[in-house]
Amino acid sequence: MNSERIRPDDAEQVNEGRRLVSIVIPVYNEGANIRMAYDALCEVVKLRKRYDIEFIFTDNHSEDSTFERLAEIAIQDPRVKVLRFNRNYGFHRSLMTGYRLARGDAVVQFDCDLQDPPNLILQFLDLWERGHDVVVGIRYHRQETIS
């Protein structure tokens, strides 16, 4: 599986004594959503300054401007890592790759389409801090379009 990578795993050092949270965001043709999702995630993580954060975007060989937009963000923000597959391997492989690249003490999965509120991440982290190994959100409704 060939891929392109922006930022090696050891690109930045984590502050000593702080826990690292990895946020894994698999993407495919999300060019229109990238900036909004990134900005929303940044706003949420600002509320928890006790963590170091890494954002891991896995681009499943998008055919739009997704990778270019992610590359721009990664250049500006050292917390952002981007991996782009050489072809479309599917959502699950994209997600699993993000988990494998994650260095965090905790890993949070987030969908780029913003249909799940980013502030739920704070609730997940609170539960994790209380000792839960796995925290799962249950989605009761999801808005989908028919193609």
N, C-alpha and C. Protein backbone atom coordinates (compact mmCIF):
# COMPACT_ATOMS: atom_id res chain seq x y z
N MET A 1 0.85 -1.16 0.00
CA MET A 1 0.00 0.00 0.00
C MET A 1 0.90 1.23 0.00
N ASN A 2 0.99 1.94 -1.08
CA ASN A 2 1.79 3.15 -1.18
C ASN A 2 0.98 4.33 -0.69
N SER A 3 1.68 5.31 -0.15
CA SER A 3 1.00 6.49 0.36
C SER A 3 1.96 7.66 0.42
N GLU A 4 1.41 8.86 0.54
CA GLU A 4 2.19 10.06 0.75
C GLU A 4 1.98 10.47 2.19
N ARG A 5 3.00 11.06 2.78
CA ARG A 5 2.90 11.45 4.17
C ARG A 5 3.40 12.87 4.35
N ILE A 6 2.66 13.63 5.11
CA ILE A 6 3.13 14.95 5.53
C ILE A 6 3.35 14.86 7.02
N ARG A 7 4.53 15.15 7.47
CA ARG A 7 4.98 15.09 8.85
C ARG A 7 5.29 13.66 9.29
N PRO A 8 6.52 13.40 9.59
CA PRO A 8 6.85 12.08 10.13
C PRO A 8 6.30 11.94 11.54
N ASP A 9 6.27 10.71 12.05
CA ASP A 9 5.71 10.44 13.37
C ASP A 9 6.35 11.26 14.48
N ASP A 10 7.64 11.52 14.37
CA ASP A 10 8.33 12.21 15.45
C ASP A 10 8.55 13.69 15.15
N ALA A 11 7.67 14.30 14.35
CA ALA A 11 7.85 15.68 13.92
C ALA A 11 7.83 16.67 15.07
N GLU A 12 7.06 16.41 16.10
CA GLU A 12 7.00 17.33 17.22
C GLU A 12 7.11 16.56 18.52
N GLN A 13 7.60 17.21 19.53
CA GLN A 13 7.73 16.59 20.83
C GLN A 13 6.49 16.88 21.66
N VAL A 14 6.08 15.93 22.44
CA VAL A 14 4.96 16.10 23.35
C VAL A 14 5.50 16.70 24.64
N ASN A 15 4.76 17.66 25.23
CA ASN A 15 5.18 18.27 26.48
C ASN A 15 5.21 17.22 27.58
N GLU A 16 6.29 17.21 28.33
CA GLU A 16 6.46 16.23 29.38
C GLU A 16 5.37 16.38 30.44
N GLY A 17 4.82 15.26 30.88
CA GLY A 17 3.81 15.27 31.91
C GLY A 17 2.39 15.48 31.42
N ARG A 18 2.23 15.79 30.16
CA ARG A 18 0.88 15.97 29.60
C ARG A 18 0.53 14.75 28.77
N ARG A 19 -0.74 14.44 28.74
CA ARG A 19 -1.20 13.29 27.97
C ARG A 19 -1.51 13.72 26.54
N LEU A 20 -1.19 12.82 25.62
CA LEU A 20 -1.42 13.08 24.20
C LEU A 20 -2.74 12.45 23.78
N VAL A 21 -3.56 13.22 23.10
CA VAL A 21 -4.81 12.73 22.53
C VAL A 21 -4.68 12.81 21.02
N SER A 22 -4.89 11.68 20.36
CA SER A 22 -4.86 11.61 18.90
C SER A 22 -6.30 11.67 18.39
N ILE A 23 -6.54 12.55 17.45
CA ILE A 23 -7.86 12.62 16.80
C ILE A 23 -7.67 12.14 15.38
N VAL A 24 -8.32 11.02 15.06
CA VAL A 24 -8.19 10.39 13.75
C VAL A 24 -9.39 10.77 12.90
N ILE A 25 -9.11 11.32 11.72
CA ILE A 25 -10.16 11.80 10.83
C ILE A 25 -9.95 11.19 9.44
N PRO A 26 -10.66 10.11 9.11
CA PRO A 26 -10.58 9.57 7.75
C PRO A 26 -11.37 10.47 6.81
N VAL A 27 -10.81 10.74 5.63
CA VAL A 27 -11.48 11.64 4.69
C VAL A 27 -11.46 11.08 3.27
N TYR A 28 -12.51 11.42 2.55
CA TYR A 28 -12.59 11.11 1.13
C TYR A 28 -13.48 12.16 0.48
N ASN A 29 -12.92 12.93 -0.44
CA ASN A 29 -13.64 14.01 -1.14
C ASN A 29 -14.34 14.95 -0.16
N GLU A 30 -13.59 15.42 0.81
CA GLU A 30 -14.11 16.33 1.83
C GLU A 30 -13.55 17.74 1.69
N GLY A 31 -13.08 18.09 0.51
CA GLY A 31 -12.46 19.38 0.29
C GLY A 31 -13.28 20.55 0.83
N ALA A 32 -14.58 20.50 0.66
CA ALA A 32 -15.45 21.58 1.11
C ALA A 32 -15.60 21.60 2.63
N ASN A 33 -15.31 20.50 3.30
CA ASN A 33 -15.51 20.41 4.75
C ASN A 33 -14.23 20.51 5.57
N ILE A 34 -13.10 20.35 4.95
CA ILE A 34 -11.84 20.24 5.69
C ILE A 34 -11.62 21.42 6.63
N ARG A 35 -11.67 22.63 6.13
CA ARG A 35 -11.37 23.80 6.95
C ARG A 35 -12.39 23.94 8.09
N MET A 36 -13.67 23.73 7.80
CA MET A 36 -14.69 23.84 8.85
C MET A 36 -14.47 22.80 9.94
N ALA A 37 -14.18 21.57 9.54
CA ALA A 37 -13.97 20.51 10.52
C ALA A 37 -12.71 20.79 11.35
N TYR A 38 -11.64 21.17 10.70
CA TYR A 38 -10.40 21.48 11.40
C TYR A 38 -10.62 22.62 12.39
N ASP A 39 -11.26 23.70 11.94
CA ASP A 39 -11.52 24.84 12.82
C ASP A 39 -12.39 24.44 14.02
N ALA A 40 -13.41 23.63 13.77
CA ALA A 40 -14.30 23.18 14.85
C ALA A 40 -13.53 22.33 15.86
N LEU A 41 -12.67 21.45 15.38
CA LEU A 41 -11.87 20.62 16.28
C LEU A 41 -10.89 21.47 17.08
N CYS A 42 -10.30 22.46 16.45
CA CYS A 42 -9.37 23.34 17.16
C CYS A 42 -10.08 24.10 18.28
N GLU A 43 -11.29 24.55 18.02
CA GLU A 43 -12.07 25.25 19.05
C GLU A 43 -12.34 24.34 20.24
N VAL A 44 -12.67 23.10 19.97
CA VAL A 44 -12.97 22.15 21.04
C VAL A 44 -11.72 21.84 21.86
N VAL A 45 -10.61 21.56 21.20
CA VAL A 45 -9.42 21.17 21.95
C VAL A 45 -8.83 22.34 22.73
N LYS A 46 -9.13 23.56 22.31
CA LYS A 46 -8.69 24.73 23.08
C LYS A 46 -9.26 24.73 24.48
N LEU A 47 -10.42 24.10 24.64
CA LEU A 47 -11.10 24.08 25.93
C LEU A 47 -10.44 23.11 26.92
N ARG A 48 -9.57 22.26 26.44
CA ARG A 48 -8.86 21.29 27.29
C ARG A 48 -7.37 21.47 27.11
N LYS A 49 -6.83 22.48 27.72
CA LYS A 49 -5.41 22.80 27.55
C LYS A 49 -4.48 21.81 28.24
N ARG A 50 -5.03 20.88 29.02
CA ARG A 50 -4.17 19.94 29.73
C ARG A 50 -3.68 18.80 28.84
N TYR A 51 -4.18 18.75 27.60
CA TYR A 51 -3.76 17.70 26.68
C TYR A 51 -2.91 18.28 25.56
N ASP A 52 -1.99 17.45 25.09
CA ASP A 52 -1.37 17.71 23.80
C ASP A 52 -2.23 16.98 22.77
N ILE A 53 -2.34 17.53 21.59
CA ILE A 53 -3.23 17.00 20.56
C ILE A 53 -2.44 16.72 19.29
N GLU A 54 -2.79 15.64 18.63
CA GLU A 54 -2.34 15.42 17.26
C GLU A 54 -3.58 15.09 16.43
N PHE A 55 -3.65 15.70 15.27
CA PHE A 55 -4.73 15.44 14.32
C PHE A 55 -4.14 14.54 13.23
N ILE A 56 -4.77 13.41 12.97
CA ILE A 56 -4.29 12.50 11.94
C ILE A 56 -5.39 12.36 10.89
N PHE A 57 -5.14 12.94 9.73
CA PHE A 57 -6.07 12.84 8.61
C PHE A 57 -5.56 11.75 7.68
N THR A 58 -6.42 10.79 7.36
CA THR A 58 -6.07 9.77 6.38
C THR A 58 -6.96 9.97 5.15
N ASP A 59 -6.34 10.41 4.08
CA ASP A 59 -7.06 10.72 2.84
C ASP A 59 -7.08 9.47 1.96
N ASN A 60 -8.27 8.99 1.72
CA ASN A 60 -8.47 7.76 0.96
C ASN A 60 -8.46 8.02 -0.55
N HIS A 61 -7.40 8.74 -0.98
CA HIS A 61 -7.18 9.08 -2.39
C HIS A 61 -8.36 9.89 -2.96
N SER A 62 -8.65 10.99 -2.31
CA SER A 62 -9.72 11.89 -2.76
C SER A 62 -9.46 12.38 -4.17
N GLU A 63 -10.55 12.66 -4.87
CA GLU A 63 -10.47 13.15 -6.24
C GLU A 63 -10.76 14.65 -6.34
N ASP A 64 -10.89 15.31 -5.20
CA ASP A 64 -11.14 16.75 -5.19
C ASP A 64 -9.94 17.44 -4.53
N SER A 65 -10.14 18.56 -3.90
CA SER A 65 -9.05 19.35 -3.32
C SER A 65 -8.71 18.96 -1.88
N THR A 66 -9.22 17.85 -1.41
CA THR A 66 -9.02 17.44 -0.02
C THR A 66 -7.55 17.42 0.37
N PHE A 67 -6.73 16.71 -0.38
CA PHE A 67 -5.32 16.57 0.00
C PHE A 67 -4.60 17.91 -0.02
N GLU A 68 -4.86 18.73 -1.00
CA GLU A 68 -4.20 20.04 -1.08
C GLU A 68 -4.57 20.91 0.12
N ARG A 69 -5.83 20.88 0.51
CA ARG A 69 -6.27 21.67 1.67
C ARG A 69 -5.65 21.14 2.96
N LEU A 70 -5.56 19.84 3.07
CA LEU A 70 -4.93 19.25 4.26
C LEU A 70 -3.44 19.60 4.30
N ALA A 71 -2.79 19.57 3.16
CA ALA A 71 -1.37 19.90 3.10
C ALA A 71 -1.13 21.34 3.56
N GLU A 72 -2.00 22.26 3.15
CA GLU A 72 -1.89 23.66 3.59
C GLU A 72 -2.02 23.77 5.10
N ILE A 73 -2.98 23.06 5.67
CA ILE A 73 -3.18 23.11 7.12
C ILE A 73 -1.99 22.51 7.84
N ALA A 74 -1.47 21.39 7.33
CA ALA A 74 -0.33 20.71 7.97
C ALA A 74 0.91 21.59 7.99
N ILE A 75 1.09 22.39 6.97
CA ILE A 75 2.24 23.30 6.94
C ILE A 75 2.12 24.36 8.04
N GLN A 76 0.90 24.78 8.33
CA GLN A 76 0.67 25.82 9.34
C GLN A 76 0.58 25.28 10.76
N ASP A 77 0.19 24.04 10.93
CA ASP A 77 -0.07 23.49 12.26
C ASP A 77 0.73 22.20 12.44
N PRO A 78 1.76 22.21 13.27
CA PRO A 78 2.59 21.01 13.45
C PRO A 78 1.86 19.85 14.13
N ARG A 79 0.68 20.08 14.67
CA ARG A 79 -0.10 18.99 15.27
C ARG A 79 -0.78 18.13 14.22
N VAL A 80 -0.83 18.60 12.97
CA VAL A 80 -1.56 17.93 11.90
C VAL A 80 -0.64 17.01 11.12
N LYS A 81 -1.07 15.76 11.00
CA LYS A 81 -0.39 14.77 10.17
C LYS A 81 -1.37 14.34 9.09
N VAL A 82 -0.86 14.17 7.88
CA VAL A 82 -1.72 13.79 6.76
C VAL A 82 -1.08 12.60 6.05
N LEU A 83 -1.88 11.60 5.81
CA LEU A 83 -1.44 10.47 5.01
C LEU A 83 -2.44 10.32 3.87
N ARG A 84 -1.93 10.18 2.66
CA ARG A 84 -2.79 10.01 1.49
C ARG A 84 -2.48 8.68 0.83
N PHE A 85 -3.50 7.84 0.65
CA PHE A 85 -3.32 6.56 -0.01
C PHE A 85 -3.13 6.75 -1.51
N ASN A 86 -2.42 5.81 -2.13
CA ASN A 86 -2.18 5.88 -3.58
C ASN A 86 -3.40 5.45 -4.39
N ARG A 87 -4.40 4.87 -3.71
CA ARG A 87 -5.69 4.55 -4.33
C ARG A 87 -6.71 4.45 -3.21
N ASN A 88 -7.97 4.27 -3.55
CA ASN A 88 -9.01 4.19 -2.55
C ASN A 88 -9.05 2.77 -1.97
N TYR A 89 -8.70 2.66 -0.70
CA TYR A 89 -8.70 1.37 -0.02
C TYR A 89 -9.95 1.17 0.83
N GLY A 90 -10.81 2.16 0.91
CA GLY A 90 -12.03 2.03 1.68
C GLY A 90 -11.93 2.66 3.06
N PHE A 91 -13.08 2.98 3.60
CA PHE A 91 -13.17 3.69 4.88
C PHE A 91 -12.49 2.93 6.01
N HIS A 92 -12.74 1.65 6.13
CA HIS A 92 -12.23 0.90 7.27
C HIS A 92 -10.70 0.83 7.29
N ARG A 93 -10.10 0.66 6.15
CA ARG A 93 -8.63 0.64 6.10
C ARG A 93 -8.08 2.02 6.39
N SER A 94 -8.77 3.05 5.92
CA SER A 94 -8.35 4.42 6.21
C SER A 94 -8.39 4.68 7.71
N LEU A 95 -9.46 4.25 8.33
CA LEU A 95 -9.61 4.42 9.77
C LEU A 95 -8.55 3.63 10.53
N MET A 96 -8.35 2.39 10.17
CA MET A 96 -7.36 1.55 10.85
C MET A 96 -5.95 2.13 10.71
N THR A 97 -5.64 2.68 9.56
CA THR A 97 -4.33 3.31 9.37
C THR A 97 -4.16 4.47 10.32
N GLY A 98 -5.21 5.26 10.50
CA GLY A 98 -5.16 6.37 11.45
C GLY A 98 -4.88 5.89 12.86
N TYR A 99 -5.54 4.80 13.27
CA TYR A 99 -5.29 4.24 14.59
C TYR A 99 -3.85 3.75 14.72
N ARG A 100 -3.32 3.16 13.67
CA ARG A 100 -1.95 2.65 13.72
C ARG A 100 -0.92 3.78 13.80
N LEU A 101 -1.23 4.91 13.18
CA LEU A 101 -0.32 6.05 13.23
C LEU A 101 -0.42 6.83 14.53
N ALA A 102 -1.52 6.68 15.24
CA ALA A 102 -1.76 7.45 16.46
C ALA A 102 -0.74 7.11 17.53
N ARG A 103 -0.23 8.14 18.18
CA ARG A 103 0.72 7.97 19.27
C ARG A 103 0.10 8.28 20.62
N GLY A 104 -1.16 8.70 20.61
CA GLY A 104 -1.78 9.21 21.82
C GLY A 104 -2.05 8.18 22.90
N ASP A 105 -2.23 8.72 24.10
CA ASP A 105 -2.70 7.93 25.24
C ASP A 105 -4.16 7.56 25.03
N ALA A 106 -4.86 8.40 24.29
CA ALA A 106 -6.25 8.14 23.90
C ALA A 106 -6.38 8.50 22.42
N VAL A 107 -7.27 7.78 21.74
CA VAL A 107 -7.55 8.05 20.33
C VAL A 107 -9.04 8.30 20.18
N VAL A 108 -9.37 9.38 19.50
CA VAL A 108 -10.76 9.73 19.22
C VAL A 108 -10.96 9.70 17.72
N GLN A 109 -11.99 9.02 17.29
CA GLN A 109 -12.35 8.98 15.87
C GLN A 109 -13.37 10.08 15.61
N PHE A 110 -13.18 10.81 14.50
CA PHE A 110 -14.09 11.90 14.17
C PHE A 110 -14.35 11.90 12.67
N ASP A 111 -15.63 12.07 12.29
CA ASP A 111 -15.99 12.16 10.88
C ASP A 111 -15.95 13.62 10.44
N CYS A 112 -15.39 13.86 9.30
CA CYS A 112 -15.15 15.20 8.79
C CYS A 112 -16.42 15.94 8.37
N ASP A 113 -17.52 15.23 8.21
CA ASP A 113 -18.74 15.87 7.70
C ASP A 113 -19.49 16.70 8.74
N LEU A 114 -19.02 16.73 9.97
CA LEU A 114 -19.58 17.53 11.07
C LEU A 114 -21.01 17.15 11.43
N GLN A 115 -21.45 15.97 11.07
CA GLN A 115 -22.79 15.54 11.48
C GLN A 115 -22.81 15.11 12.95
N ASP A 116 -21.66 14.85 13.52
CA ASP A 116 -21.56 14.59 14.95
C ASP A 116 -20.92 15.83 15.58
N PRO A 117 -21.50 16.33 16.65
CA PRO A 117 -20.99 17.56 17.28
C PRO A 117 -19.57 17.36 17.82
N PRO A 118 -18.63 18.20 17.41
CA PRO A 118 -17.25 18.07 17.90
C PRO A 118 -17.13 18.18 19.42
N ASN A 119 -18.04 18.91 20.07
CA ASN A 119 -17.92 19.06 21.51
C ASN A 119 -18.18 17.76 22.27
N LEU A 120 -18.70 16.75 21.60
CA LEU A 120 -18.83 15.43 22.24
C LEU A 120 -17.46 14.86 22.62
N ILE A 121 -16.45 15.30 21.93
CA ILE A 121 -15.09 14.84 22.23
C ILE A 121 -14.76 15.14 23.69
N LEU A 122 -15.20 16.28 24.19
CA LEU A 122 -14.93 16.64 25.58
C LEU A 122 -15.59 15.66 26.55
N GLN A 123 -16.80 15.26 26.23
CA GLN A 123 -17.49 14.27 27.08
C GLN A 123 -16.76 12.92 27.03
N PHE A 124 -16.32 12.54 25.85
CA PHE A 124 -15.57 11.28 25.72
C PHE A 124 -14.29 11.33 26.56
N LEU A 125 -13.58 12.46 26.50
CA LEU A 125 -12.34 12.58 27.26
C LEU A 125 -12.61 12.58 28.76
N ASP A 126 -13.72 13.20 29.19
CA ASP A 126 -14.09 13.16 30.61
C ASP A 126 -14.30 11.73 31.08
N LEU A 127 -15.01 10.94 30.27
CA LEU A 127 -15.24 9.53 30.62
C LEU A 127 -13.94 8.74 30.64
N TRP A 128 -13.08 9.02 29.69
CA TRP A 128 -11.78 8.36 29.65
C TRP A 128 -10.98 8.71 30.92
N GLU A 129 -10.98 9.97 31.30
CA GLU A 129 -10.26 10.40 32.50
C GLU A 129 -10.81 9.72 33.76
N ARG A 130 -12.08 9.35 33.74
CA ARG A 130 -12.69 8.67 34.89
C ARG A 130 -12.39 7.16 34.89
N GLY A 131 -11.61 6.71 33.90
CA GLY A 131 -11.16 5.32 33.93
C GLY A 131 -11.76 4.40 32.89
N HIS A 132 -12.60 4.90 32.02
CA HIS A 132 -13.16 4.04 30.98
C HIS A 132 -12.11 3.82 29.89
N ASP A 133 -11.94 2.57 29.50
CA ASP A 133 -10.98 2.23 28.44
C ASP A 133 -11.55 2.53 27.06
N VAL A 134 -12.84 2.30 26.89
CA VAL A 134 -13.50 2.52 25.60
C VAL A 134 -14.75 3.35 25.84
N VAL A 135 -14.90 4.41 25.07
CA VAL A 135 -16.09 5.25 25.13
C VAL A 135 -16.68 5.28 23.74
N VAL A 136 -17.97 4.97 23.64
CA VAL A 136 -18.64 4.89 22.34
C VAL A 136 -19.84 5.82 22.34
N GLY A 137 -19.96 6.61 21.29
CA GLY A 137 -21.16 7.42 21.11
C GLY A 137 -22.14 6.66 20.23
N ILE A 138 -23.40 6.77 20.57
CA ILE A 138 -24.43 6.09 19.78
C ILE A 138 -25.19 7.15 19.00
N ARG A 139 -25.20 6.99 17.69
CA ARG A 139 -25.89 7.94 16.82
C ARG A 139 -27.30 7.42 16.58
N TYR A 140 -28.27 8.25 16.90
CA TYR A 140 -29.66 7.84 16.70
C TYR A 140 -30.19 8.24 15.33
N HIS A 141 -29.69 9.34 14.79
CA HIS A 141 -30.11 9.80 13.46
C HIS A 141 -28.88 10.31 12.72
N ARG A 142 -28.86 10.06 11.45
CA ARG A 142 -27.80 10.59 10.60
C ARG A 142 -28.40 11.00 9.30
N GLN A 143 -28.06 12.18 8.88
CA GLN A 143 -28.59 12.71 7.63
C GLN A 143 -27.70 12.25 6.48
N GLU A 144 -28.28 11.49 5.57
CA GLU A 144 -27.54 10.99 4.41
C GLU A 144 -28.25 11.43 3.14
N THR A 145 -27.46 11.56 2.09
CA THR A 145 -28.06 11.87 0.79
C THR A 145 -28.05 10.61 -0.05
N ILE A 146 -29.03 10.48 -0.92
CA ILE A 146 -29.11 9.34 -1.82
C ILE A 146 -28.40 9.71 -3.11
N SER A 147 -27.44 8.88 -3.51
CA SER A 147 -26.69 9.17 -4.74
C SER A 147 -27.22 8.32 -5.87
